[in-house]
Amino acid sequence: MALKVWGYCLVLGLSATTSGNAQELRDQYHQAPRDTVAQEVYDGWKQYNLNCARCHGEDVQGTTIAPHLIVSLKPEGTIKTKELFIQTVCDGRPARGMPAWCPLGMEIPTIQKIYAYVKGRSEAKLGPGRPALKPGP
């Protein structure tokens, strides 16, 4: 009987310790999501990270290789419309080293999802980092 009680206390102690330290495990590289987004935007974030982030930066902030898309999609930027964004991604910019993604198999609905994510970042509706998926049907 004493062994069962001791084991039960051990389990309770471990679960209390685990839940108490959950917040402490977060660091600058493992932050909880700040924004909750619809499925389309979340899928756009995933596709952006799979296909675009290596050149345009993890949080759409540009690199030495490719431009800052947050700036590019602003009204005064170089990509003023959704249609121009889709055309640019689909056709690429070969002279600047950007591949044409449509011949590589990327479909227009995927580009539209990427646009939804990047536009949200450009309009400051989304912060940097991984968004959370909004629960719903």
C-alpha atoms as a PDB file:
ATOM      1  CA  MET A   1       0.000   0.000   0.000  1.00  0.00           C
ATOM      2  CA  ALA A   2       2.809   2.403   0.899  1.00  0.00           C
ATOM      3  CA  LEU A   3       4.443   1.744  -2.481  1.00  0.00           C
ATOM      4  CA  LYS A   4       1.224   2.682  -4.330  1.00  0.00           C
ATOM      5  CA  VAL A   5       0.863   5.934  -2.374  1.00  0.00           C
ATOM      6  CA  TRP A   6       4.523   6.821  -2.930  1.00  0.00           C
ATOM      7  CA  GLY A   7       4.217   6.132  -6.684  1.00  0.00           C
ATOM      8  CA  TYR A   8       1.079   8.270  -6.843  1.00  0.00           C
ATOM      9  CA  CYS A   9       2.880  11.146  -5.083  1.00  0.00           C
ATOM     10  CA  LEU A  10       5.799  10.807  -7.464  1.00  0.00           C
ATOM     11  CA  VAL A  11       3.479  11.103 -10.488  1.00  0.00           C
ATOM     12  CA  LEU A  12       1.739  14.127  -8.987  1.00  0.00           C
ATOM     13  CA  GLY A  13       5.068  15.746  -8.164  1.00  0.00           C
ATOM     14  CA  LEU A  14       6.376  15.229 -11.687  1.00  0.00           C
ATOM     15  CA  SER A  15       3.242  16.580 -13.328  1.00  0.00           C
ATOM     16  CA  ALA A  16       3.279  19.657 -11.089  1.00  0.00           C
ATOM     17  CA  THR A  17       6.947  20.251 -11.861  1.00  0.00           C
ATOM     18  CA  THR A  18       6.400  19.775 -15.588  1.00  0.00           C
ATOM     19  CA  SER A  19       3.476  22.176 -15.810  1.00  0.00           C
ATOM     20  CA  GLY A  20       5.253  24.749 -13.656  1.00  0.00           C
ATOM     21  CA  ASN A  21       8.315  24.769 -15.929  1.00  0.00           C
ATOM     22  CA  ALA A  22       6.433  24.795 -19.242  1.00  0.00           C
ATOM     23  CA  GLN A  23       6.714  28.561 -19.598  1.00  0.00           C
ATOM     24  CA  GLU A  24      10.366  28.521 -18.542  1.00  0.00           C
ATOM     25  CA  LEU A  25      11.234  26.196 -21.457  1.00  0.00           C
ATOM     26  CA  ARG A  26      10.457  28.965 -23.977  1.00  0.00           C
ATOM     27  CA  ASP A  27      13.420  30.888 -25.328  1.00  0.00           C
ATOM     28  CA  GLN A  28      14.003  33.329 -28.167  1.00  0.00           C
ATOM     29  CA  TYR A  29      14.003  30.472 -30.678  1.00  0.00           C
ATOM     30  CA  HIS A  30      10.928  28.633 -29.378  1.00  0.00           C
ATOM     31  CA  GLN A  31       8.262  31.240 -28.760  1.00  0.00           C
ATOM     32  CA  ALA A  32       4.565  30.469 -28.528  1.00  0.00           C
ATOM     33  CA  PRO A  33       2.559  31.687 -31.551  1.00  0.00           C
ATOM     34  CA  ARG A  34       1.457  35.312 -31.281  1.00  0.00           C
ATOM     35  CA  ASP A  35      -1.191  35.333 -34.009  1.00  0.00           C
ATOM     36  CA  THR A  36      -4.120  33.041 -34.751  1.00  0.00           C
ATOM     37  CA  VAL A  37      -4.921  32.753 -38.449  1.00  0.00           C
ATOM     38  CA  ALA A  38      -7.339  31.062 -40.849  1.00  0.00           C
ATOM     39  CA  GLN A  39      -6.369  27.854 -42.656  1.00  0.00           C
ATOM     40  CA  GLU A  40      -5.474  29.691 -45.892  1.00  0.00           C
ATOM     41  CA  VAL A  41      -2.982  31.982 -44.132  1.00  0.00           C
ATOM     42  CA  TYR A  42      -1.547  29.126 -42.080  1.00  0.00           C
ATOM     43  CA  ASP A  43      -1.040  27.052 -45.236  1.00  0.00           C
ATOM     44  CA  GLY A  44       0.542  30.112 -46.845  1.00  0.00           C
ATOM     45  CA  TRP A  45       2.966  30.386 -43.922  1.00  0.00           C
ATOM     46  CA  LYS A  46       3.918  26.713 -44.328  1.00  0.00           C
ATOM     47  CA  GLN A  47       4.397  27.010 -48.095  1.00  0.00           C
ATOM     48  CA  TYR A  48       6.341  30.263 -47.716  1.00  0.00           C
ATOM     49  CA  ASN A  49       8.706  28.573 -45.275  1.00  0.00           C
ATOM     50  CA  LEU A  50       9.124  25.546 -47.545  1.00  0.00           C
ATOM     51  CA  ASN A  51       9.690  27.464 -50.767  1.00  0.00           C
ATOM     52  CA  CYS A  52      10.508  31.131 -50.188  1.00  0.00           C
ATOM     53  CA  ALA A  53      12.151  31.667 -46.799  1.00  0.00           C
ATOM     54  CA  ARG A  54      15.583  30.406 -47.828  1.00  0.00           C
ATOM     55  CA  CYS A  55      15.956  33.494 -50.024  1.00  0.00           C
ATOM     56  CA  HIS A  56      13.393  36.020 -48.734  1.00  0.00           C
ATOM     57  CA  GLY A  57      14.020  35.402 -45.026  1.00  0.00           C
ATOM     58  CA  GLU A  58      12.227  33.427 -42.355  1.00  0.00           C
ATOM     59  CA  ASP A  59       9.815  36.215 -41.428  1.00  0.00           C
ATOM     60  CA  VAL A  60       9.474  37.803 -44.905  1.00  0.00           C
ATOM     61  CA  GLN A  61      12.115  40.381 -43.982  1.00  0.00           C
ATOM     62  CA  GLY A  62      14.501  39.820 -46.864  1.00  0.00           C
ATOM     63  CA  THR A  63      18.113  38.729 -46.998  1.00  0.00           C
ATOM     64  CA  THR A  64      21.234  39.679 -48.901  1.00  0.00           C
ATOM     65  CA  ILE A  65      19.964  37.341 -51.643  1.00  0.00           C
ATOM     66  CA  ALA A  66      16.343  38.481 -52.110  1.00  0.00           C
ATOM     67  CA  PRO A  67      14.206  41.527 -51.275  1.00  0.00           C
ATOM     68  CA  HIS A  68      12.212  42.358 -48.186  1.00  0.00           C
ATOM     69  CA  LEU A  69       8.679  41.311 -49.220  1.00  0.00           C
ATOM     70  CA  ILE A  70       7.027  43.244 -46.398  1.00  0.00           C
ATOM     71  CA  VAL A  71       8.225  46.411 -48.152  1.00  0.00           C
ATOM     72  CA  SER A  72       7.603  45.083 -51.667  1.00  0.00           C
ATOM     73  CA  LEU A  73       3.887  44.466 -50.984  1.00  0.00           C
ATOM     74  CA  LYS A  74       3.171  47.854 -49.443  1.00  0.00           C
ATOM     75  CA  PRO A  75       1.192  50.325 -51.617  1.00  0.00           C
ATOM     76  CA  GLU A  76       4.414  52.164 -52.513  1.00  0.00           C
ATOM     77  CA  GLY A  77       6.286  48.899 -53.118  1.00  0.00           C
ATOM     78  CA  THR A  78       7.174  47.119 -56.333  1.00  0.00           C
ATOM     79  CA  ILE A  79       4.428  44.437 -56.060  1.00  0.00           C
ATOM     80  CA  LYS A  80       1.253  46.511 -55.803  1.00  0.00           C
ATOM     81  CA  THR A  81      -1.386  43.870 -56.569  1.00  0.00           C
ATOM     82  CA  LYS A  82      -2.186  40.236 -55.880  1.00  0.00           C
ATOM     83  CA  GLU A  83      -2.146  39.563 -59.624  1.00  0.00           C
ATOM     84  CA  LEU A  84       1.385  40.972 -59.966  1.00  0.00           C
ATOM     85  CA  PHE A  85       2.533  38.868 -57.001  1.00  0.00           C
ATOM     86  CA  ILE A  86       1.116  35.709 -58.586  1.00  0.00           C
ATOM     87  CA  GLN A  87       2.663  36.564 -61.963  1.00  0.00           C
ATOM     88  CA  THR A  88       6.052  37.279 -60.371  1.00  0.00           C
ATOM     89  CA  VAL A  89       6.088  34.031 -58.395  1.00  0.00           C
ATOM     90  CA  CYS A  90       4.812  32.001 -61.330  1.00  0.00           C
ATOM     91  CA  ASP A  91       7.213  33.477 -63.936  1.00  0.00           C
ATOM     92  CA  GLY A  92      10.091  34.197 -61.553  1.00  0.00           C
ATOM     93  CA  ARG A  93      12.748  36.823 -62.084  1.00  0.00           C
ATOM     94  CA  PRO A  94      15.472  34.814 -63.842  1.00  0.00           C
ATOM     95  CA  ALA A  95      17.744  37.837 -64.315  1.00  0.00           C
ATOM     96  CA  ARG A  96      17.785  38.254 -60.525  1.00  0.00           C
ATOM     97  CA  GLY A  97      18.092  34.555 -59.722  1.00  0.00           C
ATOM     98  CA  MET A  98      14.457  33.899 -58.756  1.00  0.00           C
ATOM     99  CA  PRO A  99      13.129  30.669 -60.247  1.00  0.00           C
ATOM    100  CA  ALA A 100       9.836  30.455 -62.114  1.00  0.00           C
ATOM    101  CA  TRP A 101       7.786  28.408 -59.662  1.00  0.00           C
ATOM    102  CA  CYS A 102       4.871  27.380 -61.904  1.00  0.00           C
ATOM    103  CA  PRO A 103       7.056  25.299 -64.275  1.00  0.00           C
ATOM    104  CA  LEU A 104       8.480  23.655 -61.127  1.00  0.00           C
ATOM    105  CA  GLY A 105       4.988  22.482 -60.150  1.00  0.00           C
ATOM    106  CA  MET A 106       3.713  25.208 -57.830  1.00  0.00           C
ATOM    107  CA  GLU A 107       0.022  25.775 -58.466  1.00  0.00           C
ATOM    108  CA  ILE A 108      -1.872  29.090 -58.403  1.00  0.00           C
ATOM    109  CA  PRO A 109      -3.908  28.195 -55.251  1.00  0.00           C
ATOM    110  CA  THR A 110      -0.609  27.638 -53.392  1.00  0.00           C
ATOM    111  CA  ILE A 111       0.707  31.020 -54.577  1.00  0.00           C
ATOM    112  CA  GLN A 112      -2.552  32.646 -53.428  1.00  0.00           C
ATOM    113  CA  LYS A 113      -2.068  31.166 -49.953  1.00  0.00           C
ATOM    114  CA  ILE A 114       1.517  32.436 -49.836  1.00  0.00           C
ATOM    115  CA  TYR A 115       0.223  35.855 -50.869  1.00  0.00           C
ATOM    116  CA  ALA A 116      -2.349  35.810 -48.028  1.00  0.00           C
ATOM    117  CA  TYR A 117       0.444  35.187 -45.519  1.00  0.00           C
ATOM    118  CA  VAL A 118       2.923  37.688 -46.993  1.00  0.00           C
ATOM    119  CA  LYS A 119       0.236  40.370 -47.361  1.00  0.00           C
ATOM    120  CA  GLY A 120      -0.752  39.868 -43.721  1.00  0.00           C
ATOM    121  CA  ARG A 121       2.872  40.433 -42.713  1.00  0.00           C
ATOM    122  CA  SER A 122       3.107  43.480 -45.007  1.00  0.00           C
ATOM    123  CA  GLU A 123      -0.015  45.037 -43.493  1.00  0.00           C
ATOM    124  CA  ALA A 124       1.274  44.338 -39.950  1.00  0.00           C
ATOM    125  CA  LYS A 125      -1.698  42.066 -39.254  1.00  0.00           C
ATOM    126  CA  LEU A 126       0.742  39.240 -38.460  1.00  0.00           C
ATOM    127  CA  GLY A 127       3.865  39.361 -36.373  1.00  0.00           C
ATOM    128  CA  PRO A 128       7.018  37.363 -37.036  1.00  0.00           C
ATOM    129  CA  GLY A 129       7.172  33.689 -36.200  1.00  0.00           C
ATOM    130  CA  ARG A 130       4.857  30.743 -36.587  1.00  0.00           C
ATOM    131  CA  PRO A 131       1.158  31.609 -36.397  1.00  0.00           C
ATOM    132  CA  ALA A 132      -1.361  29.351 -34.704  1.00  0.00           C
ATOM    133  CA  LEU A 133      -4.180  27.806 -36.677  1.00  0.00           C
ATOM    134  CA  LYS A 134      -7.588  29.241 -35.785  1.00  0.00           C
ATOM    135  CA  PRO A 135      -9.908  26.461 -34.628  1.00  0.00           C
ATOM    136  CA  GLY A 136     -12.955  25.989 -36.749  1.00  0.00           C
ATOM    137  CA  PRO A 137     -14.854  23.778 -39.130  1.00  0.00           C
END
